[in-house]
Amino acid sequence: MSYRETSQFIFVYGTLRKDSGNEMYDVLARDASFAGYGTVQGRLYSLGEYPGLLPGRTPTDTVKGEVYLIGKKELTGLLARLDDYEGCGERDPEPHEYRRIIIPVQIENEKILAWAYILNRNPRGLPRIDSGDFIGSRAS
């Protein structure tokens, strides 16, 4: 996938999910509509109050989340706000903790391409969330 590819979908797996209790979810929900629950091939790590996703090495590496469809008019503005929230906006100092890329997401019986925030560092020393579900891991 090239950097120039785009998508109106976004895959969220942590504090932007509906049940996270985070006020930034309201920003997402205002300009995007829930498209369904999805999974990506990846590994999820705990960074304390929030998780980080890294692409998975095997098909059994699965991360659970939600997929939202962003309106065409809202796409650029919402992604810029989310970039700022994730610390990878234009004004944020390098290196960023996350980078936003397009990844394949399984949603119901189809694969789509969606934006996602990927951890931009080595996960050494970070606890892995084996369930792949940040919201579920906080409930236990």
N, C-alpha and C. Protein backbone atom coordinates (compact mmCIF):
# COMPACT_ATOMS: atom_id res chain seq x y z
N MET A 1 0.84 -1.19 0.00
CA MET A 1 0.00 0.00 0.00
C MET A 1 0.88 1.24 0.00
N SER A 2 0.51 2.17 -0.80
CA SER A 2 1.30 3.40 -0.85
C SER A 2 0.72 4.44 0.10
N TYR A 3 1.55 5.41 0.41
CA TYR A 3 1.14 6.47 1.32
C TYR A 3 -0.02 7.26 0.75
N ARG A 4 -0.14 7.32 -0.57
CA ARG A 4 -1.17 8.13 -1.22
C ARG A 4 -2.55 7.48 -1.18
N GLU A 5 -2.60 6.20 -0.84
CA GLU A 5 -3.91 5.56 -0.75
C GLU A 5 -4.71 6.22 0.38
N THR A 6 -6.00 6.18 0.24
CA THR A 6 -6.83 6.78 1.27
C THR A 6 -8.03 5.89 1.56
N SER A 7 -8.66 6.15 2.65
CA SER A 7 -9.84 5.40 3.06
C SER A 7 -10.72 6.33 3.87
N GLN A 8 -12.01 6.08 3.82
CA GLN A 8 -12.92 6.82 4.68
C GLN A 8 -13.19 6.05 5.97
N PHE A 9 -12.62 4.86 6.09
CA PHE A 9 -12.80 4.05 7.29
C PHE A 9 -11.63 4.26 8.25
N ILE A 10 -11.93 4.12 9.55
CA ILE A 10 -10.89 4.13 10.56
C ILE A 10 -11.17 2.98 11.52
N PHE A 11 -10.11 2.27 11.87
CA PHE A 11 -10.17 1.17 12.83
C PHE A 11 -9.62 1.69 14.15
N VAL A 12 -10.43 1.60 15.21
CA VAL A 12 -9.99 2.05 16.53
C VAL A 12 -10.02 0.86 17.49
N TYR A 13 -9.03 0.78 18.36
CA TYR A 13 -8.87 -0.41 19.20
C TYR A 13 -8.62 -0.07 20.66
N GLY A 14 -8.57 1.21 21.00
CA GLY A 14 -8.23 1.60 22.37
C GLY A 14 -9.15 2.66 22.91
N THR A 15 -8.58 3.81 23.23
CA THR A 15 -9.34 4.87 23.91
C THR A 15 -10.31 5.60 23.00
N LEU A 16 -10.33 5.29 21.71
CA LEU A 16 -11.33 5.88 20.82
C LEU A 16 -12.56 4.99 20.66
N ARG A 17 -12.55 3.81 21.28
CA ARG A 17 -13.71 2.92 21.21
C ARG A 17 -14.85 3.45 22.06
N LYS A 18 -16.05 3.07 21.66
CA LYS A 18 -17.28 3.55 22.30
C LYS A 18 -17.28 3.34 23.81
N ASP A 19 -16.88 2.19 24.28
CA ASP A 19 -16.95 1.88 25.71
C ASP A 19 -15.69 2.26 26.49
N SER A 20 -14.83 3.08 25.89
CA SER A 20 -13.59 3.46 26.57
C SER A 20 -13.81 4.51 27.65
N GLY A 21 -14.91 5.26 27.53
CA GLY A 21 -15.16 6.34 28.49
C GLY A 21 -14.35 7.59 28.20
N ASN A 22 -13.73 7.66 27.04
CA ASN A 22 -12.89 8.80 26.68
C ASN A 22 -13.71 9.83 25.90
N GLU A 23 -13.53 11.09 26.23
CA GLU A 23 -14.30 12.15 25.55
C GLU A 23 -13.95 12.29 24.07
N MET A 24 -12.78 11.82 23.64
CA MET A 24 -12.45 11.90 22.21
C MET A 24 -13.32 10.97 21.38
N TYR A 25 -13.93 9.98 22.02
CA TYR A 25 -14.88 9.14 21.28
C TYR A 25 -16.02 10.01 20.75
N ASP A 26 -16.46 10.99 21.54
CA ASP A 26 -17.55 11.87 21.11
C ASP A 26 -17.18 12.65 19.86
N VAL A 27 -15.92 13.05 19.75
CA VAL A 27 -15.43 13.76 18.56
C VAL A 27 -15.52 12.82 17.35
N LEU A 28 -15.07 11.59 17.53
CA LEU A 28 -15.14 10.60 16.46
C LEU A 28 -16.59 10.34 16.06
N ALA A 29 -17.45 10.10 17.04
CA ALA A 29 -18.84 9.75 16.77
C ALA A 29 -19.61 10.89 16.10
N ARG A 30 -19.20 12.11 16.33
CA ARG A 30 -19.89 13.26 15.72
C ARG A 30 -19.67 13.30 14.21
N ASP A 31 -18.48 12.93 13.75
CA ASP A 31 -18.15 13.05 12.33
C ASP A 31 -18.02 11.71 11.61
N ALA A 32 -18.33 10.62 12.28
CA ALA A 32 -18.22 9.30 11.67
C ALA A 32 -19.36 8.42 12.18
N SER A 33 -19.70 7.42 11.40
CA SER A 33 -20.76 6.50 11.81
C SER A 33 -20.18 5.11 12.02
N PHE A 34 -20.71 4.43 13.01
CA PHE A 34 -20.26 3.08 13.34
C PHE A 34 -20.56 2.16 12.16
N ALA A 35 -19.53 1.46 11.67
CA ALA A 35 -19.70 0.55 10.54
C ALA A 35 -19.71 -0.91 10.99
N GLY A 36 -19.17 -1.20 12.17
CA GLY A 36 -19.18 -2.56 12.68
C GLY A 36 -17.94 -2.86 13.50
N TYR A 37 -17.95 -4.04 14.08
CA TYR A 37 -16.79 -4.52 14.83
C TYR A 37 -15.83 -5.16 13.84
N GLY A 38 -14.55 -4.99 14.09
CA GLY A 38 -13.56 -5.53 13.17
C GLY A 38 -12.37 -6.11 13.90
N THR A 39 -11.56 -6.82 13.14
CA THR A 39 -10.30 -7.36 13.66
C THR A 39 -9.20 -7.09 12.65
N VAL A 40 -7.99 -6.98 13.17
CA VAL A 40 -6.81 -6.85 12.32
C VAL A 40 -5.78 -7.87 12.77
N GLN A 41 -4.90 -8.22 11.86
CA GLN A 41 -3.80 -9.09 12.22
C GLN A 41 -2.77 -8.21 12.92
N GLY A 42 -2.60 -8.42 14.21
CA GLY A 42 -1.68 -7.59 14.96
C GLY A 42 -1.51 -8.06 16.39
N ARG A 43 -0.64 -7.37 17.09
CA ARG A 43 -0.39 -7.61 18.51
C ARG A 43 -0.68 -6.32 19.27
N LEU A 44 -1.31 -6.48 20.41
CA LEU A 44 -1.70 -5.33 21.22
C LEU A 44 -0.85 -5.29 22.49
N TYR A 45 -0.36 -4.10 22.81
CA TYR A 45 0.50 -3.90 23.98
C TYR A 45 -0.11 -2.83 24.87
N SER A 46 0.10 -2.98 26.17
CA SER A 46 -0.37 -2.00 27.13
C SER A 46 0.70 -0.94 27.37
N LEU A 47 0.28 0.32 27.24
CA LEU A 47 1.14 1.44 27.58
C LEU A 47 0.58 2.14 28.82
N GLY A 48 -0.10 1.36 29.67
CA GLY A 48 -0.71 1.90 30.88
C GLY A 48 -2.16 2.24 30.63
N GLU A 49 -2.45 3.50 30.43
CA GLU A 49 -3.82 3.97 30.24
C GLU A 49 -4.34 3.76 28.83
N TYR A 50 -3.49 3.34 27.92
CA TYR A 50 -3.90 3.16 26.53
C TYR A 50 -3.04 2.07 25.89
N PRO A 51 -3.51 1.50 24.77
CA PRO A 51 -2.76 0.42 24.12
C PRO A 51 -2.00 0.91 22.88
N GLY A 52 -1.17 0.02 22.37
CA GLY A 52 -0.48 0.23 21.11
C GLY A 52 -0.56 -1.02 20.27
N LEU A 53 -0.79 -0.85 18.99
CA LEU A 53 -0.93 -1.94 18.04
C LEU A 53 0.31 -2.04 17.16
N LEU A 54 0.78 -3.25 16.97
CA LEU A 54 1.83 -3.53 16.00
C LEU A 54 1.32 -4.62 15.06
N PRO A 55 1.68 -4.54 13.78
CA PRO A 55 1.24 -5.60 12.86
C PRO A 55 1.66 -6.97 13.37
N GLY A 56 0.78 -7.96 13.16
CA GLY A 56 1.03 -9.31 13.65
C GLY A 56 1.92 -10.11 12.73
N ARG A 57 2.50 -11.13 13.30
CA ARG A 57 3.40 -11.99 12.53
C ARG A 57 2.69 -13.25 12.05
N THR A 58 1.63 -13.64 12.74
CA THR A 58 0.92 -14.86 12.37
C THR A 58 -0.59 -14.58 12.35
N PRO A 59 -1.35 -15.42 11.65
CA PRO A 59 -2.81 -15.23 11.61
C PRO A 59 -3.48 -15.30 12.98
N THR A 60 -2.81 -15.90 13.96
CA THR A 60 -3.41 -15.98 15.29
C THR A 60 -3.22 -14.68 16.09
N ASP A 61 -2.39 -13.77 15.59
CA ASP A 61 -2.23 -12.46 16.23
C ASP A 61 -3.40 -11.59 15.78
N THR A 62 -4.38 -11.42 16.66
CA THR A 62 -5.61 -10.70 16.30
C THR A 62 -5.90 -9.60 17.32
N VAL A 63 -6.24 -8.42 16.81
CA VAL A 63 -6.64 -7.29 17.64
C VAL A 63 -8.08 -6.94 17.30
N LYS A 64 -8.89 -6.75 18.36
CA LYS A 64 -10.30 -6.44 18.20
C LYS A 64 -10.53 -4.94 18.33
N GLY A 65 -11.48 -4.44 17.55
CA GLY A 65 -11.81 -3.03 17.64
C GLY A 65 -13.10 -2.70 16.92
N GLU A 66 -13.25 -1.43 16.62
CA GLU A 66 -14.44 -0.93 15.95
C GLU A 66 -14.04 -0.18 14.69
N VAL A 67 -14.92 -0.23 13.70
CA VAL A 67 -14.68 0.45 12.44
C VAL A 67 -15.72 1.55 12.28
N TYR A 68 -15.26 2.72 11.88
CA TYR A 68 -16.14 3.87 11.66
C TYR A 68 -15.95 4.38 10.24
N LEU A 69 -17.04 4.82 9.64
CA LEU A 69 -17.01 5.44 8.32
C LEU A 69 -17.08 6.94 8.52
N ILE A 70 -16.06 7.63 8.03
CA ILE A 70 -15.96 9.08 8.19
C ILE A 70 -16.57 9.73 6.96
N GLY A 71 -17.43 10.73 7.18
CA GLY A 71 -18.02 11.47 6.07
C GLY A 71 -16.95 12.14 5.23
N LYS A 72 -17.18 12.23 3.92
CA LYS A 72 -16.18 12.81 3.02
C LYS A 72 -15.81 14.24 3.41
N LYS A 73 -16.81 15.03 3.78
CA LYS A 73 -16.55 16.42 4.17
C LYS A 73 -15.73 16.52 5.44
N GLU A 74 -15.89 15.55 6.34
CA GLU A 74 -15.25 15.59 7.64
C GLU A 74 -13.89 14.89 7.67
N LEU A 75 -13.55 14.14 6.62
CA LEU A 75 -12.39 13.25 6.63
C LEU A 75 -11.10 13.96 7.03
N THR A 76 -10.72 14.99 6.29
CA THR A 76 -9.44 15.66 6.54
C THR A 76 -9.39 16.29 7.93
N GLY A 77 -10.45 16.99 8.30
CA GLY A 77 -10.48 17.65 9.60
C GLY A 77 -10.47 16.68 10.77
N LEU A 78 -11.26 15.61 10.66
CA LEU A 78 -11.31 14.63 11.75
C LEU A 78 -9.98 13.90 11.89
N LEU A 79 -9.38 13.49 10.77
CA LEU A 79 -8.09 12.81 10.86
C LEU A 79 -7.03 13.72 11.48
N ALA A 80 -7.07 15.01 11.16
CA ALA A 80 -6.11 15.95 11.76
C ALA A 80 -6.32 16.05 13.27
N ARG A 81 -7.57 16.08 13.72
CA ARG A 81 -7.86 16.13 15.17
C ARG A 81 -7.41 14.85 15.86
N LEU A 82 -7.66 13.72 15.22
CA LEU A 82 -7.24 12.44 15.80
C LEU A 82 -5.72 12.32 15.81
N ASP A 83 -5.06 12.81 14.76
CA ASP A 83 -3.59 12.82 14.76
C ASP A 83 -3.06 13.62 15.95
N ASP A 84 -3.67 14.78 16.21
CA ASP A 84 -3.25 15.58 17.36
C ASP A 84 -3.46 14.82 18.66
N TYR A 85 -4.61 14.15 18.78
CA TYR A 85 -4.91 13.37 19.98
C TYR A 85 -3.90 12.24 20.17
N GLU A 86 -3.51 11.60 19.08
CA GLU A 86 -2.58 10.47 19.14
C GLU A 86 -1.11 10.92 19.20
N GLY A 87 -0.89 12.23 19.17
CA GLY A 87 0.47 12.74 19.29
C GLY A 87 1.30 12.65 18.03
N CYS A 88 0.62 12.52 16.89
CA CYS A 88 1.36 12.43 15.63
C CYS A 88 0.88 13.49 14.64
N GLY A 89 0.42 14.60 15.17
CA GLY A 89 -0.01 15.71 14.33
C GLY A 89 1.19 16.48 13.80
N GLU A 90 0.91 17.39 12.90
CA GLU A 90 1.98 18.17 12.27
C GLU A 90 2.82 18.95 13.27
N ARG A 91 2.23 19.40 14.36
CA ARG A 91 2.97 20.21 15.34
C ARG A 91 3.63 19.39 16.44
N ASP A 92 3.38 18.08 16.44
CA ASP A 92 3.97 17.23 17.48
C ASP A 92 5.43 16.93 17.16
N PRO A 93 6.29 16.96 18.20
CA PRO A 93 7.72 16.69 17.97
C PRO A 93 7.96 15.22 17.58
N GLU A 94 8.95 15.02 16.75
CA GLU A 94 9.38 13.67 16.36
C GLU A 94 10.30 13.13 17.45
N PRO A 95 10.41 11.85 17.64
CA PRO A 95 9.63 10.82 16.95
C PRO A 95 8.25 10.69 17.58
N HIS A 96 7.27 10.43 16.76
CA HIS A 96 5.90 10.24 17.24
C HIS A 96 5.75 8.85 17.85
N GLU A 97 4.89 8.75 18.86
CA GLU A 97 4.63 7.45 19.47
C GLU A 97 3.83 6.54 18.53
N TYR A 98 3.00 7.17 17.69
CA TYR A 98 2.18 6.44 16.73
C TYR A 98 2.38 7.01 15.34
N ARG A 99 2.00 6.20 14.36
CA ARG A 99 1.89 6.68 12.99
C ARG A 99 0.57 6.15 12.44
N ARG A 100 -0.06 6.94 11.60
CA ARG A 100 -1.35 6.54 11.02
C ARG A 100 -1.10 5.95 9.64
N ILE A 101 -1.53 4.71 9.46
CA ILE A 101 -1.38 4.03 8.18
C ILE A 101 -2.69 3.33 7.82
N ILE A 102 -2.76 2.89 6.58
CA ILE A 102 -3.92 2.11 6.13
C ILE A 102 -3.57 0.63 6.24
N ILE A 103 -4.48 -0.11 6.89
CA ILE A 103 -4.26 -1.55 7.08
C ILE A 103 -5.53 -2.32 6.67
N PRO A 104 -5.38 -3.60 6.34
CA PRO A 104 -6.57 -4.42 6.07
C PRO A 104 -7.29 -4.76 7.38
N VAL A 105 -8.60 -4.65 7.34
CA VAL A 105 -9.44 -4.94 8.51
C VAL A 105 -10.53 -5.92 8.09
N GLN A 106 -10.73 -6.94 8.89
CA GLN A 106 -11.83 -7.87 8.67
C GLN A 106 -13.04 -7.32 9.39
N ILE A 107 -14.10 -7.06 8.65
CA ILE A 107 -15.35 -6.56 9.24
C ILE A 107 -16.48 -7.43 8.70
N GLU A 108 -17.12 -8.16 9.57
CA GLU A 108 -18.11 -9.16 9.21
C GLU A 108 -17.47 -10.12 8.20
N ASN A 109 -18.03 -10.26 7.01
CA ASN A 109 -17.51 -11.24 6.04
C ASN A 109 -16.68 -10.61 4.93
N GLU A 110 -16.15 -9.43 5.15
CA GLU A 110 -15.35 -8.80 4.11
C GLU A 110 -14.13 -8.12 4.68
N LYS A 111 -13.16 -7.91 3.81
CA LYS A 111 -11.96 -7.16 4.19
C LYS A 111 -12.07 -5.77 3.59
N ILE A 112 -11.74 -4.78 4.40
CA ILE A 112 -11.71 -3.40 3.92
C ILE A 112 -10.34 -2.82 4.26
N LEU A 113 -10.07 -1.66 3.74
CA LEU A 113 -8.88 -0.92 4.13
C LEU A 113 -9.32 0.23 5.01
N ALA A 114 -8.61 0.42 6.12
CA ALA A 114 -8.98 1.46 7.08
C ALA A 114 -7.73 2.08 7.67
N TRP A 115 -7.86 3.33 8.05
CA TRP A 115 -6.79 3.99 8.79
C TRP A 115 -6.69 3.36 10.17
N ALA A 116 -5.50 3.32 10.72
CA ALA A 116 -5.29 2.86 12.10
C ALA A 116 -4.01 3.51 12.61
N TYR A 117 -3.95 3.68 13.92
CA TYR A 117 -2.76 4.22 14.56
C TYR A 117 -1.91 3.06 15.05
N ILE A 118 -0.70 2.98 14.53
CA ILE A 118 0.23 1.89 14.81
C ILE A 118 1.35 2.41 15.70
N LEU A 119 1.71 1.62 16.68
CA LEU A 119 2.81 1.97 17.58
C LEU A 119 4.09 2.16 16.77
N ASN A 120 4.79 3.23 17.03
CA ASN A 120 5.96 3.60 16.25
C ASN A 120 7.25 3.41 17.06
N ARG A 121 7.30 2.32 17.83
CA ARG A 121 8.50 2.03 18.62
C ARG A 121 8.56 0.55 18.94
N ASN A 122 9.69 0.14 19.42
CA ASN A 122 9.90 -1.24 19.80
C ASN A 122 9.07 -1.54 21.06
N PRO A 123 8.33 -2.66 21.08
CA PRO A 123 7.49 -2.95 22.24
C PRO A 123 8.23 -3.61 23.40
N ARG A 124 9.54 -3.73 23.29
CA ARG A 124 10.31 -4.40 24.34
C ARG A 124 9.97 -3.81 25.71
N GLY A 125 9.64 -4.68 26.64
CA GLY A 125 9.32 -4.25 28.00
C GLY A 125 7.85 -3.91 28.21
N LEU A 126 7.06 -3.84 27.15
CA LEU A 126 5.64 -3.54 27.29
C LEU A 126 4.86 -4.85 27.45
N PRO A 127 3.90 -4.87 28.39
CA PRO A 127 3.10 -6.08 28.53
C PRO A 127 2.17 -6.26 27.33
N ARG A 128 2.10 -7.47 26.84
CA ARG A 128 1.22 -7.76 25.72
C ARG A 128 -0.19 -8.04 26.25
N ILE A 129 -1.19 -7.55 25.53
CA ILE A 129 -2.59 -7.85 25.84
C ILE A 129 -2.95 -9.04 24.96
N ASP A 130 -2.83 -10.24 25.52
CA ASP A 130 -2.98 -11.47 24.75
C ASP A 130 -4.35 -11.62 24.11
N SER A 131 -5.39 -11.09 24.75
CA SER A 131 -6.74 -11.22 24.20
C SER A 131 -6.93 -10.38 22.95
N GLY A 132 -6.07 -9.37 22.75
CA GLY A 132 -6.22 -8.47 21.62
C GLY A 132 -7.37 -7.49 21.79
N ASP A 133 -7.91 -7.42 23.00
CA ASP A 133 -9.07 -6.56 23.27
C ASP A 133 -8.78 -5.64 24.45
N PHE A 134 -8.47 -4.39 24.16
CA PHE A 134 -8.13 -3.42 25.22
C PHE A 134 -9.31 -3.20 26.17
N ILE A 135 -10.51 -3.04 25.64
CA ILE A 135 -11.67 -2.78 26.50
C ILE A 135 -11.92 -3.99 27.40
N GLY A 136 -11.87 -5.19 26.85
CA GLY A 136 -12.07 -6.40 27.63
C GLY A 136 -11.00 -6.61 28.67
N SER A 137 -9.77 -6.20 28.37
CA SER A 137 -8.67 -6.39 29.32
C SER A 137 -8.81 -5.47 30.51
N ARG A 138 -9.47 -4.33 30.33
CA ARG A 138 -9.67 -3.40 31.46
C ARG A 138 -10.78 -3.85 32.36
N ALA A 139 -11.70 -4.68 31.85
CA ALA A 139 -12.83 -5.14 32.65
C ALA A 139 -12.42 -6.25 33.62
N SER A 140 -11.31 -6.90 33.33
CA SER A 140 -10.93 -8.02 34.21
C SER A 140 -10.02 -7.59 35.32
